[in-house]
């Protein structure tokens, strides 16, 4: 019985980035929490402060093959050119990996190797990181505006107080 007919394989998705397909031979995902470790002199132990979830990194081992079942059409050189054009996009793009749902991800690293022994096969290594929302720290009170308002109020109160002192 072929391993392709087993239930696990029928649920796998074709891999792609920005819609450009490639074959996948392995994926490693790294995820966790951002933490600050606080150590103090003359105290045993540490305090670990949770700073939120890290972005997920995907280390992907892939390949390109001429006219392949994963969706690669045409020469392997043309497939590589299409893929590399997608990889240089400056923004996060849709990444689909075989056993995961689509995520928005940025490419961190890419490596392509080719050899005479393998002929029409290019070996690929990628590192992707999930893209978060573009958020900046904000405050309901603008400290600069609050400081200016306080200075104006103080100057006004001082002037009123001075005028009251003179007119008496």
N, C-alpha and C. Protein backbone atom coordinates (compact mmCIF):
# COMPACT_ATOMS: atom_id res chain seq x y z
N UNK A 1 0.84 -1.19 0.00
CA UNK A 1 0.00 0.00 0.00
C UNK A 1 0.88 1.25 0.00
N UNK A 2 0.60 2.14 -0.86
CA UNK A 2 1.37 3.38 -0.98
C UNK A 2 1.08 4.30 0.21
N UNK A 3 2.13 5.00 0.69
CA UNK A 3 1.94 5.92 1.83
C UNK A 3 1.04 7.10 1.45
N UNK A 4 0.94 7.42 0.17
CA UNK A 4 0.11 8.54 -0.27
C UNK A 4 -1.37 8.25 -0.04
N UNK A 5 -1.77 7.00 0.00
CA UNK A 5 -3.18 6.64 0.19
C UNK A 5 -3.59 6.61 1.66
N UNK A 6 -2.69 6.82 2.57
CA UNK A 6 -3.02 6.82 3.99
C UNK A 6 -3.77 8.11 4.34
N UNK A 7 -4.66 8.06 5.34
CA UNK A 7 -5.52 9.21 5.67
C UNK A 7 -4.77 10.51 5.94
N UNK A 8 -3.61 10.46 6.57
CA UNK A 8 -2.87 11.69 6.89
C UNK A 8 -2.57 12.49 5.62
N UNK A 9 -2.16 11.83 4.58
CA UNK A 9 -1.71 12.52 3.37
C UNK A 9 -2.84 13.15 2.57
N UNK A 10 -4.04 12.62 2.69
CA UNK A 10 -5.15 13.18 1.91
C UNK A 10 -5.57 14.56 2.43
N UNK A 11 -5.24 14.87 3.67
CA UNK A 11 -5.61 16.16 4.26
C UNK A 11 -4.55 17.24 4.07
N UNK A 12 -3.41 16.91 3.48
CA UNK A 12 -2.35 17.90 3.32
C UNK A 12 -2.68 18.90 2.22
N UNK A 13 -2.26 20.13 2.44
CA UNK A 13 -2.48 21.21 1.47
C UNK A 13 -1.25 21.38 0.60
N UNK A 14 -1.43 21.84 -0.63
CA UNK A 14 -0.24 22.17 -1.44
C UNK A 14 0.43 23.43 -0.89
N UNK A 15 1.74 23.38 -0.71
CA UNK A 15 2.48 24.51 -0.14
C UNK A 15 2.67 25.60 -1.17
N UNK A 16 2.60 26.86 -0.69
CA UNK A 16 2.86 28.00 -1.57
C UNK A 16 3.16 29.24 -0.74
N UNK A 17 3.81 30.20 -1.38
CA UNK A 17 4.02 31.52 -0.79
C UNK A 17 3.67 32.53 -1.87
N UNK A 18 2.79 33.47 -1.54
CA UNK A 18 2.26 34.41 -2.52
C UNK A 18 1.65 33.67 -3.71
N UNK A 19 1.13 32.47 -3.47
CA UNK A 19 0.48 31.70 -4.53
C UNK A 19 1.43 30.92 -5.42
N UNK A 20 2.72 30.99 -5.17
CA UNK A 20 3.71 30.26 -5.97
C UNK A 20 3.98 28.92 -5.28
N UNK A 21 3.67 27.79 -5.95
CA UNK A 21 3.79 26.49 -5.30
C UNK A 21 5.24 25.99 -5.21
N UNK A 22 5.48 25.18 -4.18
CA UNK A 22 6.76 24.48 -4.02
C UNK A 22 6.49 23.21 -3.22
N UNK A 23 7.34 22.23 -3.39
CA UNK A 23 7.21 20.99 -2.62
C UNK A 23 7.83 21.17 -1.24
N UNK A 24 7.35 20.38 -0.27
CA UNK A 24 7.86 20.46 1.09
C UNK A 24 8.28 19.07 1.56
N UNK A 25 9.50 19.00 2.10
CA UNK A 25 9.97 17.74 2.67
C UNK A 25 10.03 17.79 4.19
N UNK A 26 9.95 18.98 4.79
CA UNK A 26 9.96 19.09 6.24
C UNK A 26 9.66 20.50 6.71
N UNK A 27 9.03 20.59 7.89
CA UNK A 27 8.71 21.89 8.51
C UNK A 27 8.99 21.78 10.00
N UNK A 28 9.65 22.79 10.54
CA UNK A 28 9.82 22.94 11.99
C UNK A 28 9.22 24.27 12.38
N UNK A 29 8.42 24.27 13.44
CA UNK A 29 7.82 25.51 13.92
C UNK A 29 8.39 25.84 15.30
N UNK A 30 8.77 27.10 15.50
CA UNK A 30 9.25 27.58 16.80
C UNK A 30 8.27 28.62 17.30
N UNK A 31 7.71 28.40 18.49
CA UNK A 31 6.84 29.40 19.08
C UNK A 31 7.06 29.41 20.58
N UNK A 32 6.59 30.45 21.22
CA UNK A 32 6.77 30.56 22.66
C UNK A 32 6.36 31.94 23.13
N UNK A 33 6.88 32.29 24.29
CA UNK A 33 6.56 33.57 24.92
C UNK A 33 7.81 34.44 24.95
N UNK A 34 7.60 35.75 24.84
CA UNK A 34 8.67 36.71 25.08
C UNK A 34 8.72 36.88 26.60
N UNK A 35 9.89 36.84 27.17
CA UNK A 35 10.00 36.98 28.62
C UNK A 35 11.16 37.90 28.97
N UNK A 36 11.03 38.53 30.13
CA UNK A 36 12.14 39.27 30.73
C UNK A 36 12.51 38.52 31.99
N UNK A 37 13.76 38.18 32.11
CA UNK A 37 14.23 37.44 33.29
C UNK A 37 14.90 38.45 34.22
N UNK A 38 14.36 38.55 35.42
CA UNK A 38 14.87 39.50 36.40
C UNK A 38 15.68 38.73 37.45
N UNK A 39 16.96 39.11 37.58
CA UNK A 39 17.83 38.52 38.59
C UNK A 39 18.31 39.63 39.51
N UNK A 40 18.33 39.35 40.79
CA UNK A 40 18.69 40.36 41.78
C UNK A 40 19.87 39.89 42.61
N UNK A 41 20.75 40.83 43.01
CA UNK A 41 21.88 40.43 43.84
C UNK A 41 21.43 39.94 45.22
N UNK A 42 22.11 38.98 45.74
CA UNK A 42 21.88 38.42 47.07
C UNK A 42 20.51 37.75 47.21
N UNK A 43 19.90 37.37 46.10
CA UNK A 43 18.62 36.65 46.15
C UNK A 43 18.74 35.40 45.32
N UNK A 44 18.20 34.33 45.85
CA UNK A 44 18.18 33.08 45.09
C UNK A 44 17.00 33.11 44.12
N UNK A 45 17.18 32.48 43.00
CA UNK A 45 16.10 32.37 42.04
C UNK A 45 15.98 33.60 41.16
N UNK A 46 15.03 33.55 40.28
CA UNK A 46 14.78 34.64 39.34
C UNK A 46 13.27 34.88 39.26
N UNK A 47 12.91 36.02 38.71
CA UNK A 47 11.50 36.29 38.41
C UNK A 47 11.39 36.40 36.90
N UNK A 48 10.46 35.64 36.33
CA UNK A 48 10.24 35.65 34.88
C UNK A 48 8.96 36.42 34.60
N UNK A 49 9.10 37.49 33.80
CA UNK A 49 7.96 38.32 33.45
C UNK A 49 7.54 38.01 32.02
N UNK A 50 6.28 37.63 31.85
CA UNK A 50 5.75 37.31 30.53
C UNK A 50 5.43 38.60 29.79
N UNK A 51 5.99 38.76 28.58
CA UNK A 51 5.78 39.95 27.78
C UNK A 51 4.91 39.69 26.56
N UNK A 52 4.26 38.55 26.52
CA UNK A 52 3.37 38.24 25.40
C UNK A 52 3.94 37.16 24.50
N UNK A 53 3.16 36.80 23.53
CA UNK A 53 3.51 35.70 22.63
C UNK A 53 4.52 36.14 21.58
N UNK A 54 5.49 35.26 21.31
CA UNK A 54 6.44 35.49 20.23
C UNK A 54 5.75 35.22 18.90
N UNK A 55 6.30 35.77 17.85
CA UNK A 55 5.86 35.39 16.51
C UNK A 55 6.32 33.97 16.22
N UNK A 56 5.56 33.22 15.46
CA UNK A 56 5.93 31.85 15.13
C UNK A 56 6.90 31.85 13.96
N UNK A 57 8.00 31.12 14.12
CA UNK A 57 8.97 30.96 13.04
C UNK A 57 8.78 29.58 12.43
N UNK A 58 8.76 29.54 11.10
CA UNK A 58 8.68 28.28 10.38
C UNK A 58 9.97 28.07 9.61
N UNK A 59 10.65 26.97 9.89
CA UNK A 59 11.84 26.55 9.15
C UNK A 59 11.35 25.48 8.17
N UNK A 60 11.40 25.80 6.89
CA UNK A 60 10.80 24.95 5.87
C UNK A 60 11.89 24.41 4.95
N UNK A 61 11.88 23.09 4.77
CA UNK A 61 12.75 22.45 3.79
C UNK A 61 11.87 22.09 2.61
N UNK A 62 12.21 22.63 1.47
CA UNK A 62 11.38 22.41 0.30
C UNK A 62 12.19 22.04 -0.92
N UNK A 63 11.49 21.96 -2.03
CA UNK A 63 12.15 21.60 -3.29
C UNK A 63 11.32 22.07 -4.47
N UNK A 64 11.96 22.20 -5.58
CA UNK A 64 11.31 22.46 -6.86
C UNK A 64 11.74 21.34 -7.81
N UNK A 65 10.78 20.81 -8.56
CA UNK A 65 11.04 19.76 -9.55
C UNK A 65 10.29 20.12 -10.82
N UNK A 66 10.89 19.85 -11.94
CA UNK A 66 10.26 20.15 -13.22
C UNK A 66 8.93 19.40 -13.35
N UNK A 67 7.86 20.13 -13.75
CA UNK A 67 6.52 19.55 -13.97
C UNK A 67 6.12 18.61 -12.84
N UNK A 68 6.09 19.12 -11.60
CA UNK A 68 5.87 18.28 -10.41
C UNK A 68 4.42 18.23 -9.98
N UNK A 69 4.08 17.20 -9.20
CA UNK A 69 2.72 16.98 -8.71
C UNK A 69 2.28 18.05 -7.71
N UNK A 70 3.21 18.76 -7.05
CA UNK A 70 2.83 19.79 -6.08
C UNK A 70 2.24 21.01 -6.75
N UNK A 71 2.28 21.08 -8.07
CA UNK A 71 1.71 22.22 -8.78
C UNK A 71 2.73 23.00 -9.59
N UNK A 72 3.99 22.60 -9.50
CA UNK A 72 5.03 23.28 -10.26
C UNK A 72 4.89 22.96 -11.74
N UNK A 73 4.81 23.99 -12.55
CA UNK A 73 4.60 23.80 -13.99
C UNK A 73 5.80 24.36 -14.74
N UNK A 74 6.27 23.63 -15.71
CA UNK A 74 7.35 24.10 -16.56
C UNK A 74 8.71 23.80 -15.99
N UNK A 75 9.69 24.48 -16.55
CA UNK A 75 11.08 24.21 -16.16
C UNK A 75 11.31 24.61 -14.70
N UNK A 76 12.21 23.92 -14.09
CA UNK A 76 12.53 24.20 -12.69
C UNK A 76 13.19 25.57 -12.57
N UNK A 77 13.89 26.01 -13.59
CA UNK A 77 14.53 27.33 -13.57
C UNK A 77 13.46 28.43 -13.61
N UNK A 78 12.42 28.24 -14.42
CA UNK A 78 11.32 29.21 -14.47
C UNK A 78 10.55 29.23 -13.15
N UNK A 79 10.35 28.06 -12.54
CA UNK A 79 9.67 27.99 -11.24
C UNK A 79 10.46 28.75 -10.19
N UNK A 80 11.78 28.56 -10.20
CA UNK A 80 12.62 29.26 -9.22
C UNK A 80 12.54 30.77 -9.42
N UNK A 81 12.54 31.23 -10.67
CA UNK A 81 12.46 32.66 -10.94
C UNK A 81 11.15 33.24 -10.42
N UNK A 82 10.03 32.53 -10.62
CA UNK A 82 8.73 32.99 -10.10
C UNK A 82 8.75 33.05 -8.58
N UNK A 83 9.26 31.98 -7.96
CA UNK A 83 9.31 31.92 -6.50
C UNK A 83 10.18 33.04 -5.94
N UNK A 84 11.35 33.25 -6.52
CA UNK A 84 12.24 34.28 -6.01
C UNK A 84 11.66 35.68 -6.19
N UNK A 85 10.89 35.89 -7.25
CA UNK A 85 10.21 37.18 -7.43
C UNK A 85 9.19 37.40 -6.32
N UNK A 86 8.51 36.33 -5.91
CA UNK A 86 7.53 36.44 -4.81
C UNK A 86 8.24 36.64 -3.47
N UNK A 87 9.40 36.02 -3.30
CA UNK A 87 10.11 36.09 -2.02
C UNK A 87 10.64 37.48 -1.71
N UNK A 88 10.87 38.30 -2.71
CA UNK A 88 11.45 39.63 -2.44
C UNK A 88 10.39 40.69 -2.20
N UNK A 89 9.13 40.30 -2.10
CA UNK A 89 8.07 41.26 -1.78
C UNK A 89 8.38 41.88 -0.41
N UNK A 90 8.23 43.19 -0.27
CA UNK A 90 8.61 43.84 0.99
C UNK A 90 7.60 43.67 2.12
N UNK A 91 6.47 43.04 1.84
CA UNK A 91 5.45 42.90 2.89
C UNK A 91 5.13 41.43 3.13
N UNK A 92 4.38 41.19 4.17
CA UNK A 92 3.98 39.83 4.51
C UNK A 92 3.04 39.29 3.42
N UNK A 93 3.18 38.00 3.16
CA UNK A 93 2.34 37.39 2.14
C UNK A 93 1.69 36.12 2.67
N UNK A 94 0.74 35.57 1.92
CA UNK A 94 0.07 34.35 2.34
C UNK A 94 1.01 33.14 2.19
N UNK A 95 1.22 32.45 3.30
CA UNK A 95 2.04 31.24 3.34
C UNK A 95 1.14 30.06 3.65
N UNK A 96 1.18 29.05 2.79
CA UNK A 96 0.42 27.82 3.05
C UNK A 96 1.43 26.69 3.17
N UNK A 97 1.39 25.99 4.29
CA UNK A 97 2.22 24.82 4.52
C UNK A 97 1.30 23.60 4.60
N UNK A 98 1.79 22.42 4.23
CA UNK A 98 0.92 21.25 4.06
C UNK A 98 -0.02 20.93 5.22
N UNK A 99 0.44 21.00 6.45
CA UNK A 99 -0.41 20.59 7.57
C UNK A 99 -0.92 21.76 8.40
N UNK A 100 -0.83 22.98 7.85
CA UNK A 100 -1.25 24.17 8.59
C UNK A 100 -2.16 25.02 7.73
N UNK A 101 -2.97 25.83 8.38
CA UNK A 101 -3.82 26.76 7.64
C UNK A 101 -2.98 27.92 7.13
N UNK A 102 -3.53 28.70 6.24
CA UNK A 102 -2.81 29.83 5.67
C UNK A 102 -2.54 30.87 6.75
N UNK A 103 -1.31 31.40 6.74
CA UNK A 103 -0.93 32.48 7.65
C UNK A 103 -0.28 33.59 6.83
N UNK A 104 -0.31 34.81 7.35
CA UNK A 104 0.45 35.90 6.74
C UNK A 104 1.85 35.82 7.34
N UNK A 105 2.86 35.80 6.49
CA UNK A 105 4.23 35.63 6.99
C UNK A 105 5.20 36.47 6.18
N UNK A 106 6.31 36.82 6.85
CA UNK A 106 7.42 37.49 6.19
C UNK A 106 8.55 36.48 6.01
N UNK A 107 9.25 36.59 4.92
CA UNK A 107 10.43 35.76 4.70
C UNK A 107 11.59 36.37 5.45
N UNK A 108 12.27 35.57 6.27
CA UNK A 108 13.47 36.04 6.97
C UNK A 108 14.73 35.56 6.26
N UNK A 109 14.70 34.32 5.77
CA UNK A 109 15.88 33.75 5.10
C UNK A 109 15.43 32.82 3.99
N UNK A 110 16.26 32.73 2.96
CA UNK A 110 16.00 31.83 1.83
C UNK A 110 17.33 31.32 1.31
N UNK A 111 17.35 30.05 1.00
CA UNK A 111 18.55 29.44 0.42
C UNK A 111 18.10 28.43 -0.63
N UNK A 112 18.75 28.45 -1.77
CA UNK A 112 18.44 27.51 -2.85
C UNK A 112 19.73 26.82 -3.25
N UNK A 113 19.71 25.49 -3.29
CA UNK A 113 20.91 24.77 -3.73
C UNK A 113 20.53 23.85 -4.89
N UNK A 114 21.48 23.69 -5.77
CA UNK A 114 21.30 22.82 -6.92
C UNK A 114 22.59 22.04 -7.12
N UNK A 115 22.46 20.85 -7.67
CA UNK A 115 23.66 20.06 -7.92
C UNK A 115 23.49 19.25 -9.20
N UNK A 116 24.59 18.91 -9.81
CA UNK A 116 24.55 18.11 -11.04
C UNK A 116 23.97 16.72 -10.77
N UNK A 117 24.22 16.17 -9.58
CA UNK A 117 23.73 14.83 -9.25
C UNK A 117 22.21 14.76 -9.23
N UNK A 118 21.56 15.83 -8.77
CA UNK A 118 20.10 15.83 -8.67
C UNK A 118 19.42 16.39 -9.92
N UNK A 119 20.19 16.97 -10.82
CA UNK A 119 19.65 17.43 -12.10
C UNK A 119 18.56 18.46 -11.97
N UNK A 120 17.32 18.08 -12.24
CA UNK A 120 16.21 19.02 -12.33
C UNK A 120 15.54 19.30 -10.98
N UNK A 121 16.26 19.12 -9.88
CA UNK A 121 15.72 19.37 -8.54
C UNK A 121 16.50 20.50 -7.88
N UNK A 122 15.78 21.47 -7.33
CA UNK A 122 16.41 22.52 -6.53
C UNK A 122 15.96 22.31 -5.09
N UNK A 123 16.90 22.28 -4.15
CA UNK A 123 16.60 22.15 -2.72
C UNK A 123 16.46 23.55 -2.14
N UNK A 124 15.42 23.76 -1.33
CA UNK A 124 15.12 25.08 -0.78
C UNK A 124 15.10 25.02 0.75
N UNK A 125 15.57 26.06 1.37
CA UNK A 125 15.44 26.25 2.82
C UNK A 125 14.92 27.66 3.05
N UNK A 126 13.83 27.75 3.81
CA UNK A 126 13.22 29.04 4.12
C UNK A 126 13.12 29.19 5.64
N UNK A 127 13.12 30.43 6.08
CA UNK A 127 12.70 30.76 7.44
C UNK A 127 11.66 31.87 7.29
N UNK A 128 10.44 31.57 7.72
CA UNK A 128 9.34 32.53 7.69
C UNK A 128 8.96 32.89 9.11
N UNK A 129 8.42 34.08 9.32
CA UNK A 129 7.87 34.46 10.62
C UNK A 129 6.48 35.04 10.40
N UNK A 130 5.55 34.61 11.23
CA UNK A 130 4.19 35.12 11.12
C UNK A 130 4.20 36.63 11.34
N UNK A 131 3.37 37.31 10.59
CA UNK A 131 3.29 38.77 10.68
C UNK A 131 2.21 39.16 11.67
N UNK A 132 2.53 40.08 12.54
CA UNK A 132 1.55 40.60 13.48
C UNK A 132 0.92 41.87 12.94
N UNK A 133 -0.02 42.39 13.70
CA UNK A 133 -0.64 43.65 13.33
C UNK A 133 0.34 44.79 13.61
N UNK A 134 0.28 45.82 12.80
CA UNK A 134 1.13 46.98 13.00
C UNK A 134 0.48 47.85 14.07
N UNK A 135 0.96 47.68 15.30
CA UNK A 135 0.39 48.41 16.43
C UNK A 135 1.50 49.16 17.13
N UNK A 136 1.17 50.33 17.59
CA UNK A 136 2.13 51.12 18.34
C UNK A 136 1.54 51.43 19.71
N UNK A 137 2.41 51.62 20.67
CA UNK A 137 1.95 51.98 22.00
C UNK A 137 1.24 53.32 21.92
N UNK A 138 0.13 53.41 22.61
CA UNK A 138 -0.58 54.68 22.62
C UNK A 138 -1.08 54.95 24.03
N UNK A 139 -1.36 56.18 24.30
CA UNK A 139 -1.85 56.58 25.60
C UNK A 139 -3.08 57.45 25.38
N UNK A 140 -4.01 57.37 26.29
CA UNK A 140 -5.19 58.21 26.16
C UNK A 140 -4.85 59.67 26.41
N UNK A 141 -3.79 59.90 27.18
CA UNK A 141 -3.38 61.27 27.49
C UNK A 141 -2.05 61.53 26.80
N UNK A 142 -2.00 62.61 26.05
CA UNK A 142 -0.74 63.02 25.43
C UNK A 142 0.04 63.78 26.49
N UNK A 143 1.16 63.25 26.91
CA UNK A 143 1.92 63.90 27.98
C UNK A 143 2.44 65.26 27.55
N UNK A 144 2.79 65.40 26.27
CA UNK A 144 3.27 66.70 25.81
C UNK A 144 2.14 67.74 25.87
N UNK A 145 0.96 67.37 25.41
CA UNK A 145 -0.18 68.29 25.45
C UNK A 145 -0.58 68.58 26.90
N UNK A 146 -0.53 67.56 27.76
CA UNK A 146 -0.88 67.77 29.17
C UNK A 146 0.10 68.72 29.84
N UNK A 147 1.39 68.61 29.50
CA UNK A 147 2.41 69.50 30.07
C UNK A 147 2.20 70.93 29.61
N UNK A 148 1.90 71.13 28.33
CA UNK A 148 1.64 72.48 27.80
C UNK A 148 0.41 73.08 28.49
N UNK A 149 -0.68 72.27 28.62
CA UNK A 149 -1.89 72.75 29.30
C UNK A 149 -1.59 73.14 30.75
N UNK A 150 -0.81 72.31 31.44
CA UNK A 150 -0.48 72.61 32.83
C UNK A 150 0.34 73.90 32.93
N UNK A 151 1.28 74.10 32.00
CA UNK A 151 2.09 75.32 32.01
C UNK A 151 1.23 76.56 31.76
N UNK A 152 0.31 76.46 30.82
CA UNK A 152 -0.59 77.60 30.52
C UNK A 152 -1.47 77.90 31.74
N UNK A 153 -2.04 76.87 32.35
CA UNK A 153 -2.89 77.06 33.53
C UNK A 153 -2.10 77.67 34.68
N UNK A 154 -0.85 77.22 34.85
CA UNK A 154 0.00 77.75 35.93
C UNK A 154 0.34 79.23 35.68
N UNK A 155 0.68 79.54 34.44
CA UNK A 155 1.00 80.93 34.10
C UNK A 155 -0.22 81.82 34.28
N UNK A 156 -1.38 81.35 33.87
CA UNK A 156 -2.62 82.12 34.02
C UNK A 156 -2.92 82.34 35.50
N UNK A 157 -2.80 81.30 36.30
CA UNK A 157 -3.08 81.42 37.74
C UNK A 157 -2.09 82.37 38.40
N UNK A 158 -0.82 82.30 38.01
CA UNK A 158 0.20 83.21 38.58
C UNK A 158 -0.11 84.66 38.21
N UNK A 159 -0.47 84.88 36.94
CA UNK A 159 -0.78 86.24 36.50
C UNK A 159 -1.99 86.78 37.25
N UNK A 160 -3.03 85.97 37.42
CA UNK A 160 -4.23 86.40 38.15
C UNK A 160 -3.89 86.72 39.60
N UNK A 161 -3.05 85.88 40.20
CA UNK A 161 -2.64 86.09 41.58
C UNK A 161 -1.84 87.37 41.71
N UNK A 162 -0.94 87.64 40.77
CA UNK A 162 -0.13 88.86 40.78
C UNK A 162 -1.02 90.09 40.64
N UNK A 163 -1.98 90.04 39.72
CA UNK A 163 -2.88 91.18 39.50
C UNK A 163 -3.73 91.44 40.75
N UNK A 164 -4.19 90.39 41.41
CA UNK A 164 -4.98 90.54 42.64
C UNK A 164 -4.12 91.20 43.73
N UNK A 165 -2.85 90.81 43.80
CA UNK A 165 -1.94 91.37 44.82
C UNK A 165 -1.67 92.84 44.57
N UNK A 166 -1.59 93.28 43.32
CA UNK A 166 -1.30 94.67 42.99
C UNK A 166 -2.52 95.53 43.21
N UNK A 167 -3.68 95.05 42.85
CA UNK A 167 -4.90 95.86 42.93
C UNK A 167 -5.39 96.01 44.36
N UNK A 168 -4.90 95.29 45.30
CA UNK A 168 -5.33 95.46 46.69
C UNK A 168 -4.67 96.57 47.35
